[in-house]
C-alpha atoms as a PDB file:
ATOM      1  CA  MET A   1     -10.763   7.543  37.448  1.00  0.00           C
ATOM      2  CA  GLY A   2     -10.928   7.027  41.366  1.00  0.00           C
ATOM      3  CA  PRO A   3     -14.162   8.163  43.490  1.00  0.00           C
ATOM      4  CA  SER A   4     -13.937  12.150  44.131  1.00  0.00           C
ATOM      5  CA  ALA A   5     -13.494  13.056  47.779  1.00  0.00           C
ATOM      6  CA  GLU A   6     -17.188  13.919  48.140  1.00  0.00           C
ATOM      7  CA  VAL A   7     -18.722  10.613  47.973  1.00  0.00           C
ATOM      8  CA  TRP A   8     -15.693   8.710  49.416  1.00  0.00           C
ATOM      9  CA  ASP A   9     -16.900   6.169  51.383  1.00  0.00           C
ATOM     10  CA  GLN A  10     -13.715   4.635  54.108  1.00  0.00           C
ATOM     11  CA  ARG A  11     -15.433   1.289  54.788  1.00  0.00           C
ATOM     12  CA  THR A  12     -14.520   0.313  51.346  1.00  0.00           C
ATOM     13  CA  ALA A  13     -10.971   1.890  51.294  1.00  0.00           C
ATOM     14  CA  ILE A  14     -10.268  -0.765  54.118  1.00  0.00           C
ATOM     15  CA  GLU A  15      -9.624  -4.469  53.197  1.00  0.00           C
ATOM     16  CA  VAL A  16      -8.357  -6.950  55.450  1.00  0.00           C
ATOM     17  CA  THR A  17      -6.122  -9.883  54.506  1.00  0.00           C
ATOM     18  CA  LYS A  18      -3.531 -12.096  55.866  1.00  0.00           C
ATOM     19  CA  ASP A  19      -0.049 -12.857  55.997  1.00  0.00           C
ATOM     20  CA  TRP A  20       1.709 -16.201  55.124  1.00  0.00           C
ATOM     21  CA  ASN A  21       1.991 -16.698  59.035  1.00  0.00           C
ATOM     22  CA  GLY A  22      -1.750 -16.090  59.113  1.00  0.00           C
ATOM     23  CA  ILE A  23      -1.220 -12.884  60.766  1.00  0.00           C
ATOM     24  CA  ASP A  24      -4.094 -10.031  59.665  1.00  0.00           C
ATOM     25  CA  GLN A  25      -2.866  -7.226  58.079  1.00  0.00           C
ATOM     26  CA  VAL A  26      -4.843  -3.900  57.106  1.00  0.00           C
ATOM     27  CA  LEU A  27      -4.784  -2.163  53.539  1.00  0.00           C
ATOM     28  CA  LEU A  28      -5.705   1.350  53.454  1.00  0.00           C
ATOM     29  CA  ARG A  29      -6.852   3.679  50.192  1.00  0.00           C
ATOM     30  CA  THR A  30      -7.016   6.347  49.178  1.00  0.00           C
ATOM     31  CA  PRO A  31      -8.986   8.516  46.620  1.00  0.00           C
ATOM     32  CA  ARG A  32      -6.003   9.483  44.333  1.00  0.00           C
ATOM     33  CA  GLY A  33      -4.564   5.850  44.992  1.00  0.00           C
ATOM     34  CA  ALA A  34      -2.282   6.463  47.690  1.00  0.00           C
ATOM     35  CA  SER A  35      -2.439   2.845  50.296  1.00  0.00           C
ATOM     36  CA  ALA A  36      -0.799   1.864  53.216  1.00  0.00           C
ATOM     37  CA  ARG A  37      -0.435  -1.781  55.079  1.00  0.00           C
ATOM     38  CA  VAL A  38      -1.020  -1.749  58.913  1.00  0.00           C
ATOM     39  CA  SER A  39       0.069  -5.642  60.046  1.00  0.00           C
ATOM     40  CA  LEU A  40      -1.274  -5.854  63.439  1.00  0.00           C
ATOM     41  CA  HIS A  41       1.605  -7.784  64.217  1.00  0.00           C
ATOM     42  CA  GLY A  42       3.091  -4.459  66.395  1.00  0.00           C
ATOM     43  CA  GLY A  43       0.523  -2.527  64.902  1.00  0.00           C
ATOM     44  CA  GLN A  44       3.187  -1.764  62.476  1.00  0.00           C
ATOM     45  CA  VAL A  45       3.084   0.829  58.968  1.00  0.00           C
ATOM     46  CA  ILE A  46       4.924  -2.128  56.722  1.00  0.00           C
ATOM     47  CA  SER A  47       4.152   0.039  53.690  1.00  0.00           C
ATOM     48  CA  TRP A  48       3.112   2.888  51.773  1.00  0.00           C
ATOM     49  CA  ARG A  49       2.489   3.900  48.624  1.00  0.00           C
ATOM     50  CA  ASN A  50       2.056   7.497  46.848  1.00  0.00           C
ATOM     51  CA  GLU A  51      -0.536   8.056  44.128  1.00  0.00           C
ATOM     52  CA  SER A  52       1.832   7.107  41.559  1.00  0.00           C
ATOM     53  CA  GLY A  53       2.223   3.265  43.505  1.00  0.00           C
ATOM     54  CA  GLU A  54       5.856   3.887  44.429  1.00  0.00           C
ATOM     55  CA  GLU A  55       7.003   2.280  47.841  1.00  0.00           C
ATOM     56  CA  MET A  56       8.152   4.822  50.573  1.00  0.00           C
ATOM     57  CA  LEU A  57       9.159   3.103  53.398  1.00  0.00           C
ATOM     58  CA  PHE A  58      12.058   0.186  53.634  1.00  0.00           C
ATOM     59  CA  MET A  59      10.917  -3.306  54.326  1.00  0.00           C
ATOM     60  CA  SER A  60      14.028  -5.732  54.438  1.00  0.00           C
ATOM     61  CA  SER A  61      13.682  -8.762  52.324  1.00  0.00           C
ATOM     62  CA  LYS A  62      14.675 -10.380  55.301  1.00  0.00           C
ATOM     63  CA  ALA A  63      12.121  -9.341  57.716  1.00  0.00           C
ATOM     64  CA  ILE A  64      10.864 -12.033  60.349  1.00  0.00           C
ATOM     65  CA  PHE A  65       6.767 -11.769  60.429  1.00  0.00           C
ATOM     66  CA  LYS A  66       6.129 -13.760  62.931  1.00  0.00           C
ATOM     67  CA  PRO A  67       5.857 -13.007  67.269  1.00  0.00           C
ATOM     68  CA  PRO A  68       8.384 -13.176  68.756  1.00  0.00           C
ATOM     69  CA  LYS A  69      10.924 -11.196  66.596  1.00  0.00           C
ATOM     70  CA  ALA A  70      10.163  -8.295  65.828  1.00  0.00           C
ATOM     71  CA  MET A  71       9.697  -6.811  62.166  1.00  0.00           C
ATOM     72  CA  ARG A  72      12.930  -4.937  60.502  1.00  0.00           C
ATOM     73  CA  GLY A  73      11.447  -2.161  58.629  1.00  0.00           C
ATOM     74  CA  GLY A  74       8.862   0.250  58.350  1.00  0.00           C
ATOM     75  CA  ILE A  75       7.153   2.353  61.281  1.00  0.00           C
ATOM     76  CA  PRO A  76       7.549   0.125  64.143  1.00  0.00           C
ATOM     77  CA  ILE A  77       5.979   1.137  67.795  1.00  0.00           C
ATOM     78  CA  CYS A  78       8.684   1.697  70.546  1.00  0.00           C
ATOM     79  CA  PHE A  79       7.050   1.971  73.923  1.00  0.00           C
ATOM     80  CA  PRO A  80       7.036   2.038  76.880  1.00  0.00           C
ATOM     81  CA  GLN A  81      11.151   2.356  76.116  1.00  0.00           C
ATOM     82  CA  PHE A  82      13.494   3.530  72.741  1.00  0.00           C
ATOM     83  CA  GLY A  83      15.928   1.286  72.588  1.00  0.00           C
ATOM     84  CA  ASN A  84      17.646   0.066  76.170  1.00  0.00           C
ATOM     85  CA  CYS A  85      16.868   3.313  77.727  1.00  0.00           C
ATOM     86  CA  GLY A  86      15.076   0.983  80.303  1.00  0.00           C
ATOM     87  CA  SER A  87      14.696  -2.518  82.013  1.00  0.00           C
ATOM     88  CA  LEU A  88      12.367  -3.821  78.867  1.00  0.00           C
ATOM     89  CA  GLU A  89      13.174  -5.458  76.029  1.00  0.00           C
ATOM     90  CA  GLN A  90      14.833  -3.766  73.297  1.00  0.00           C
ATOM     91  CA  HIS A  91      12.424  -0.847  71.937  1.00  0.00           C
ATOM     92  CA  GLY A  92      10.320  -2.671  74.548  1.00  0.00           C
ATOM     93  CA  PHE A  93       7.429  -5.078  74.335  1.00  0.00           C
ATOM     94  CA  VAL A  94       4.427  -3.642  72.262  1.00  0.00           C
ATOM     95  CA  ARG A  95       5.943  -4.338  68.672  1.00  0.00           C
ATOM     96  CA  ASN A  96       5.757  -7.882  69.026  1.00  0.00           C
ATOM     97  CA  LYS A  97       2.379  -8.430  70.655  1.00  0.00           C
ATOM     98  CA  ILE A  98      -0.957  -9.185  68.258  1.00  0.00           C
ATOM     99  CA  TRP A  99      -2.793  -5.950  68.211  1.00  0.00           C
ATOM    100  CA  THR A 100      -6.752  -6.025  67.519  1.00  0.00           C
ATOM    101  CA  VAL A 101      -8.988  -3.464  65.122  1.00  0.00           C
ATOM    102  CA  ASP A 102     -11.219  -1.479  67.427  1.00  0.00           C
ATOM    103  CA  ASP A 103     -14.295  -2.471  66.731  1.00  0.00           C
ATOM    104  CA  ASN A 104     -15.709   1.198  67.650  1.00  0.00           C
ATOM    105  CA  PRO A 105     -12.798   3.684  67.292  1.00  0.00           C
ATOM    106  CA  PRO A 106     -13.774   7.509  68.271  1.00  0.00           C
ATOM    107  CA  HIS A 107     -15.319   9.648  65.403  1.00  0.00           C
ATOM    108  CA  LEU A 108     -13.096  12.072  63.580  1.00  0.00           C
ATOM    109  CA  HIS A 109     -14.762  14.814  63.047  1.00  0.00           C
ATOM    110  CA  LEU A 110     -15.722  15.785  59.423  1.00  0.00           C
ATOM    111  CA  ASN A 111     -12.916  17.383  58.129  1.00  0.00           C
ATOM    112  CA  ASP A 112     -10.398  15.489  59.701  1.00  0.00           C
ATOM    113  CA  SER A 113     -11.936  11.896  57.490  1.00  0.00           C
ATOM    114  CA  LYS A 114     -12.806  13.485  54.484  1.00  0.00           C
ATOM    115  CA  GLY A 115     -10.968  12.120  51.520  1.00  0.00           C
ATOM    116  CA  LYS A 116      -9.157   9.584  53.890  1.00  0.00           C
ATOM    117  CA  SER A 117      -9.064   6.319  55.325  1.00  0.00           C
ATOM    118  CA  SER A 118      -8.124   4.948  59.068  1.00  0.00           C
ATOM    119  CA  ILE A 119      -7.813   2.299  61.525  1.00  0.00           C
ATOM    120  CA  ASP A 120      -7.649   2.288  65.125  1.00  0.00           C
ATOM    121  CA  LEU A 121      -5.687  -0.414  66.753  1.00  0.00           C
ATOM    122  CA  ILE A 122      -6.214  -1.725  70.306  1.00  0.00           C
ATOM    123  CA  LEU A 123      -3.158  -3.336  72.639  1.00  0.00           C
ATOM    124  CA  LYS A 124      -5.145  -5.165  75.659  1.00  0.00           C
ATOM    125  CA  PRO A 125      -2.637  -5.784  78.445  1.00  0.00           C
ATOM    126  CA  SER A 126      -2.121  -9.662  79.458  1.00  0.00           C
ATOM    127  CA  GLU A 127      -1.867 -11.005  83.135  1.00  0.00           C
ATOM    128  CA  GLU A 128       1.920 -11.205  81.636  1.00  0.00           C
ATOM    129  CA  ASP A 129       2.098  -7.586  80.127  1.00  0.00           C
ATOM    130  CA  LEU A 130       1.336  -5.989  83.738  1.00  0.00           C
ATOM    131  CA  LYS A 131       4.099  -7.857  85.606  1.00  0.00           C
ATOM    132  CA  TYR A 132       6.394  -5.822  83.809  1.00  0.00           C
ATOM    133  CA  TRP A 133       4.856  -3.236  83.053  1.00  0.00           C
ATOM    134  CA  PRO A 134       2.013  -2.907  86.098  1.00  0.00           C
ATOM    135  CA  HIS A 135       0.487   0.802  84.708  1.00  0.00           C
ATOM    136  CA  SER A 136      -3.134   1.460  85.109  1.00  0.00           C
ATOM    137  CA  GLU A 137      -5.427   2.925  81.950  1.00  0.00           C
ATOM    138  CA  VAL A 138      -5.457   6.426  83.057  1.00  0.00           C
ATOM    139  CA  ARG A 139      -2.952   9.461  82.923  1.00  0.00           C
ATOM    140  CA  ILE A 140      -3.684  13.262  83.848  1.00  0.00           C
ATOM    141  CA  GLU A 141      -2.728  15.829  81.318  1.00  0.00           C
ATOM    142  CA  GLY A 142      -2.479  19.603  82.138  1.00  0.00           C
ATOM    143  CA  LEU A 143       0.077  19.356  85.090  1.00  0.00           C
ATOM    144  CA  GLU A 144       3.500  19.082  82.795  1.00  0.00           C
ATOM    145  CA  THR A 145       6.714  21.231  83.543  1.00  0.00           C
ATOM    146  CA  LEU A 146       4.873  22.211  86.873  1.00  0.00           C
ATOM    147  CA  ASP A 147       6.630  21.707  90.032  1.00  0.00           C
ATOM    148  CA  TYR A 148       5.164  19.589  92.777  1.00  0.00           C
ATOM    149  CA  LEU A 149       5.412  18.708  96.477  1.00  0.00           C
ATOM    150  CA  ASP A 150       6.341  14.946  97.387  1.00  0.00           C
ATOM    151  CA  ASN A 151       3.920  13.759 100.060  1.00  0.00           C
ATOM    152  CA  LEU A 152       6.059  11.027 100.140  1.00  0.00           C
ATOM    153  CA  SER A 153       9.584  12.416 100.557  1.00  0.00           C
ATOM    154  CA  GLN A 154       8.830  14.845 103.187  1.00  0.00           C
ATOM    155  CA  ARG A 155       6.998  17.563 100.850  1.00  0.00           C
ATOM    156  CA  GLU A 156      10.649  17.614  98.950  1.00  0.00           C
ATOM    157  CA  ARG A 157       9.847  19.631  95.826  1.00  0.00           C
ATOM    158  CA  PHE A 158      10.700  18.389  91.916  1.00  0.00           C
ATOM    159  CA  THR A 159       9.544  19.075  88.784  1.00  0.00           C
ATOM    160  CA  GLU A 160       7.220  16.932  86.643  1.00  0.00           C
ATOM    161  CA  GLN A 161       9.553  15.554  83.853  1.00  0.00           C
ATOM    162  CA  GLY A 162       6.964  13.746  81.959  1.00  0.00           C
ATOM    163  CA  ASP A 163       4.177  14.527  79.125  1.00  0.00           C
ATOM    164  CA  ALA A 164       1.562  13.407  81.301  1.00  0.00           C
ATOM    165  CA  ILE A 165       1.430  11.719  84.609  1.00  0.00           C
ATOM    166  CA  THR A 166       1.423   8.266  84.737  1.00  0.00           C
ATOM    167  CA  PHE A 167       0.801   5.389  87.687  1.00  0.00           C
ATOM    168  CA  GLU A 168       2.743   2.436  88.000  1.00  0.00           C
ATOM    169  CA  SER A 169       3.395   3.196  92.336  1.00  0.00           C
ATOM    170  CA  GLU A 170       2.321   5.117  94.917  1.00  0.00           C
ATOM    171  CA  VAL A 171       1.775   8.684  93.828  1.00  0.00           C
ATOM    172  CA  ASP A 172       1.385  11.705  97.179  1.00  0.00           C
ATOM    173  CA  ARG A 173       1.112  14.750  95.404  1.00  0.00           C
ATOM    174  CA  VAL A 174       0.443  18.317  95.331  1.00  0.00           C
ATOM    175  CA  TYR A 175       1.362  19.924  91.701  1.00  0.00           C
ATOM    176  CA  LEU A 176       1.426  23.990  92.631  1.00  0.00           C
ATOM    177  CA  SER A 177       0.311  26.877  90.587  1.00  0.00           C
ATOM    178  CA  SER A 178      -1.542  24.289  87.817  1.00  0.00           C
ATOM    179  CA  PRO A 179      -3.406  25.673  85.294  1.00  0.00           C
ATOM    180  CA  ASN A 180      -7.136  25.614  85.483  1.00  0.00           C
ATOM    181  CA  VAL A 181      -8.074  23.160  83.175  1.00  0.00           C
ATOM    182  CA  ILE A 182      -6.583  19.397  83.715  1.00  0.00           C
ATOM    183  CA  ALA A 183      -7.698  16.581  81.850  1.00  0.00           C
ATOM    184  CA  VAL A 184      -8.128  12.344  82.488  1.00  0.00           C
ATOM    185  CA  LEU A 185      -8.137  10.285  80.188  1.00  0.00           C
ATOM    186  CA  ASP A 186      -9.864   6.742  80.543  1.00  0.00           C
ATOM    187  CA  HIS A 187      -8.220   4.793  77.509  1.00  0.00           C
ATOM    188  CA  GLU A 188     -10.204   1.573  78.487  1.00  0.00           C
ATOM    189  CA  LYS A 189     -13.400   3.420  78.521  1.00  0.00           C
ATOM    190  CA  LYS A 190     -12.849   5.658  76.194  1.00  0.00           C
ATOM    191  CA  ARG A 191     -13.573   8.829  77.905  1.00  0.00           C
ATOM    192  CA  THR A 192     -12.040  12.095  79.319  1.00  0.00           C
ATOM    193  CA  PHE A 193     -12.988  13.826  82.248  1.00  0.00           C
ATOM    194  CA  VAL A 194     -12.470  17.684  82.929  1.00  0.00           C
ATOM    195  CA  ILE A 195     -11.850  19.404  85.635  1.00  0.00           C
ATOM    196  CA  ARG A 196     -12.015  23.249  85.320  1.00  0.00           C
ATOM    197  CA  LYS A 197     -11.449  24.795  88.688  1.00  0.00           C
ATOM    198  CA  GLU A 198     -11.357  28.238  90.062  1.00  0.00           C
ATOM    199  CA  GLY A 199     -10.130  30.430  93.301  1.00  0.00           C
ATOM    200  CA  LEU A 200      -7.614  26.795  93.661  1.00  0.00           C
ATOM    201  CA  PRO A 201      -4.542  27.350  92.287  1.00  0.00           C
ATOM    202  CA  ASP A 202      -2.601  23.572  93.193  1.00  0.00           C
ATOM    203  CA  VAL A 203      -3.367  20.202  92.398  1.00  0.00           C
ATOM    204  CA  VAL A 204      -3.246  17.299  94.457  1.00  0.00           C
ATOM    205  CA  VAL A 205      -2.726  14.045  93.299  1.00  0.00           C
ATOM    206  CA  TRP A 206      -2.997  10.486  94.915  1.00  0.00           C
ATOM    207  CA  ASN A 207      -3.129   7.030  94.427  1.00  0.00           C
ATOM    208  CA  PRO A 208      -2.437   5.018  96.955  1.00  0.00           C
ATOM    209  CA  TRP A 209      -1.058   1.463  95.158  1.00  0.00           C
ATOM    210  CA  GLU A 210      -1.078  -2.401  96.336  1.00  0.00           C
ATOM    211  CA  LYS A 211       0.831  -1.802  99.516  1.00  0.00           C
ATOM    212  CA  LYS A 212      -0.519   0.895 101.157  1.00  0.00           C
ATOM    213  CA  SER A 213      -4.242   0.031  99.611  1.00  0.00           C
ATOM    214  CA  LYS A 214      -3.608  -3.428 101.813  1.00  0.00           C
ATOM    215  CA  SER A 215      -2.405  -1.386 105.052  1.00  0.00           C
ATOM    216  CA  MET A 216      -5.815   1.018 104.833  1.00  0.00           C
ATOM    217  CA  VAL A 217      -9.260  -1.083 106.893  1.00  0.00           C
ATOM    218  CA  ASP A 218     -11.279   1.471 104.823  1.00  0.00           C
ATOM    219  CA  PHE A 219     -10.352   0.585 101.665  1.00  0.00           C
ATOM    220  CA  GLY A 220     -10.229  -2.803  99.373  1.00  0.00           C
ATOM    221  CA  ASP A 221      -7.061  -4.393  98.801  1.00  0.00           C
ATOM    222  CA  GLU A 222      -7.590  -4.312  94.835  1.00  0.00           C
ATOM    223  CA  GLU A 223      -9.246  -0.725  94.688  1.00  0.00           C
ATOM    224  CA  TYR A 224      -6.499   1.102  93.582  1.00  0.00           C
ATOM    225  CA  LYS A 225      -7.216   0.249  90.135  1.00  0.00           C
ATOM    226  CA  GLN A 226     -10.877   1.606  90.566  1.00  0.00           C
ATOM    227  CA  MET A 227      -9.934   4.940  91.262  1.00  0.00           C
ATOM    228  CA  LEU A 228      -8.093   8.134  91.650  1.00  0.00           C
ATOM    229  CA  CYS A 229      -7.759  11.267  93.358  1.00  0.00           C
ATOM    230  CA  VAL A 230      -7.213  14.354  91.454  1.00  0.00           C
ATOM    231  CA  ASP A 231      -8.206  17.580  93.115  1.00  0.00           C
ATOM    232  CA  GLY A 232      -8.720  21.704  93.178  1.00  0.00           C
ATOM    233  CA  ALA A 233      -6.766  23.125  96.510  1.00  0.00           C
ATOM    234  CA  ALA A 234      -4.812  25.680  97.609  1.00  0.00           C
ATOM    235  CA  ILE A 235      -1.952  24.785 100.228  1.00  0.00           C
ATOM    236  CA  GLU A 236       1.056  26.364  99.262  1.00  0.00           C
ATOM    237  CA  ARG A 237      -0.293  29.703  99.957  1.00  0.00           C
ATOM    238  CA  PRO A 238      -3.192  29.316 102.279  1.00  0.00           C
ATOM    239  CA  ILE A 239      -6.530  31.490 102.062  1.00  0.00           C
ATOM    240  CA  THR A 240      -6.808  33.516 104.833  1.00  0.00           C
ATOM    241  CA  LEU A 241      -9.491  35.846 105.056  1.00  0.00           C
ATOM    242  CA  LYS A 242      -9.871  38.728 107.305  1.00  0.00           C
ATOM    243  CA  SER A 243     -13.931  40.581 108.850  1.00  0.00           C
ATOM    244  CA  GLY A 244     -16.267  40.435 106.099  1.00  0.00           C
ATOM    245  CA  GLU A 245     -14.006  39.580 103.116  1.00  0.00           C
ATOM    246  CA  GLU A 246     -14.981  36.375 100.547  1.00  0.00           C
ATOM    247  CA  TRP A 247     -13.937  33.519  98.997  1.00  0.00           C
ATOM    248  CA  LYS A 248     -15.055  31.177  96.359  1.00  0.00           C
ATOM    249  CA  GLY A 249     -13.799  28.129  95.515  1.00  0.00           C
ATOM    250  CA  GLN A 250     -15.165  26.116  92.279  1.00  0.00           C
ATOM    251  CA  LEU A 251     -14.403  22.693  90.593  1.00  0.00           C
ATOM    252  CA  GLU A 252     -16.140  21.328  88.055  1.00  0.00           C
ATOM    253  CA  LEU A 253     -16.085  18.087  86.572  1.00  0.00           C
ATOM    254  CA  SER A 254     -17.268  16.458  82.979  1.00  0.00           C
ATOM    255  CA  VAL A 255     -16.991  13.968  80.968  1.00  0.00           C
ATOM    256  CA  VAL A 256     -16.004  13.646  76.840  1.00  0.00           C
ATOM    257  CA  PRO A 257     -15.602  11.948  74.545  1.00  0.00           C
ATOM    258  CA  SER A 258     -11.393  10.875  74.490  1.00  0.00           C
ATOM    259  CA  SER A 259     -11.222  12.126  71.396  1.00  0.00           C
ATOM    260  CA  PHE A 260     -12.111  15.226  71.751  1.00  0.00           C
ATOM    261  CA  CYS A 261      -8.484  17.014  71.402  1.00  0.00           C
ATOM    262  CA  SER A 262      -7.446  20.114  73.536  1.00  0.00           C
ATOM    263  CA  GLU A 263      -9.113  22.903  71.276  1.00  0.00           C
ATOM    264  CA  GLN A 264     -12.121  21.433  71.592  1.00  0.00           C
ATOM    265  CA  LEU A 265     -12.059  20.900  75.094  1.00  0.00           C
ATOM    266  CA  ASP A 266     -11.225  25.170  75.280  1.00  0.00           C
ATOM    267  CA  SER A 267     -14.176  25.998  73.056  1.00  0.00           C
ATOM    268  CA  HIS A 268     -16.383  22.978  75.560  1.00  0.00           C
ATOM    269  CA  TRP A 269     -15.654  25.200  78.395  1.00  0.00           C
ATOM    270  CA  ARG A 270     -16.430  28.443  76.765  1.00  0.00           C
ATOM    271  CA  GLY A 271     -19.623  26.929  76.572  1.00  0.00           C
ATOM    272  CA  PHE A 272     -20.410  26.660  79.935  1.00  0.00           C
END
């Protein structure tokens, strides 16, 4: 009989082995006997066995477990594109890279970690990766599906199509009628900047990127990699006050661990 969930030690449920090419694989076990095997080649799940030991995933008997060839089967990570829907190689490049185990992962909530085993993997970009995928390591959440004015296109109005805002070129936009809480995720430092605003319906998002940075006399050539402007504003409908009227605009900035989910962010702000 296996250990009970109450005394389950997650550390003993994780075993690191090597495949025949010397690449690490991580075996995860649960108290009831289920298991999963994750290869650091592509961060790919290559096995999932249920509590009876039955294999639930397909892996080809002819799968090649050696980079730069992707493995056939399992659960691959397709990023930053699926198939040939982009300018990069089939299904993107991350499934062909060697990932590493995060030695300092964000802690799971107690209710989420009870009786479970998990592993956090990291893929750090190389100089070669950045040549054809020059994204910075931040993203903005909370502005999805909003209309924005693009200052790089004579303030033409567009609608945001992405699930989050990421950066690979110059951005100078005004997002209109935005929510009062915006999150800026810093993946490298595992933290999230939470912006809460009142009386400021719009949000300005700006990064000059490489070319404009070099043309600005008061801005370092490489400093665009270290900054991102996200600011509350009232642009679409300017605020006009009559004699004796008052207006209040407020912006609060806080930093929380990136493991916080949206519900936790909401409760975090209710505590202010």
